[in-house]
């Protein structure tokens, strides 16, 4: 391609249909996902009162340790299956506020090597497929780049739109054409109207351009809110998981014509000030809230928790197995204890 801008067009990527054939989900995997998708949808539409835990590393860095982590979730899911539905976080793209740093498995399937987008796309498809087929748990990922969604559209059971993407028109329109739950985070400013406008847009049908096609979407009634806290103009974190915050959201959300008003509470990011141990206390406070107020209980569908095998985080070159290379996470022992504690309070 002729270079007419400040970009070098290095090589053409494979089409999504090509990769779906090359790295295909088995018949058994498709059956697992269809069953799991229905169970998740039933929670968001109010047919099931199970509590969702979207849990896992801040970002998926290495397939071996991430799969080890997800396998550890399996026996816990079996023990709490009557109260909790676990969705493993396999976040393969990492947004960077100033564009610097590890951008996730999509960019670097090996975080110690140079970016390789073709190998990255194959790696992220492979890890999502393995999670479903090997563990029976169906994954969540963040929709950082809307045009990449088609590479994973048959594998994801939950999608998050991040705080820096929630106002973007393409994220909103594409979400309206997705048939699994899409969580819209409040923006970093904390403006709830932006998040609610995004939900409203995604719940309605649209006509738009996507990957060279004219698309007609039907609207996604499973689109919902994620509260992740905010940062003010002085760089100070403000939480939005307290009882009073949730009452404000309830009044804005449940009385203004939204379908299936639901919220997931993100226990990390600005809600914890990235103090990962605070996720334990925040989780318990949210459980106290839902047990205190039946209206909030109906609206709050679950928690998002950042957790890995080892506590904290590390620099990539430290190469400690199962320790986050991005935001700090709860280690495995604390995670296991927290999940059982949440189950006991439901």
Foldseek 3Di string as FASTA:
>chain_A
DDDPDPDDPDDDADDLVVLCVVQPADPVLLVLLVVLLVVQVCLLQVVDLAFEEAEEAPEAAELVQRLVFLQVCQVVCVVLVNHYAYAYEHAAAQDDPVPDDDGGLCQPVHRVDGGDNRVSLNSSQNSLSCSCVVRSHAHEYEPPDVLSCSNCLSGHQEYEHDQVGLQPPSVLQVLLAHAHEYEYEHHQQNPVVSSLVSQVSQQDWDWDDHPRDTDTGHHYLRYEYEYEFHAHPVRATDHQLALVSLVVCCVVFVPPDRRSYAYEYELADSNPVLPQVSSLVSLVNNLVNCVVDVSSSSHYRYYYFHEWADFFADDSVVPDRTAHNPGTHHHDVVVSVSSVVSSVSD
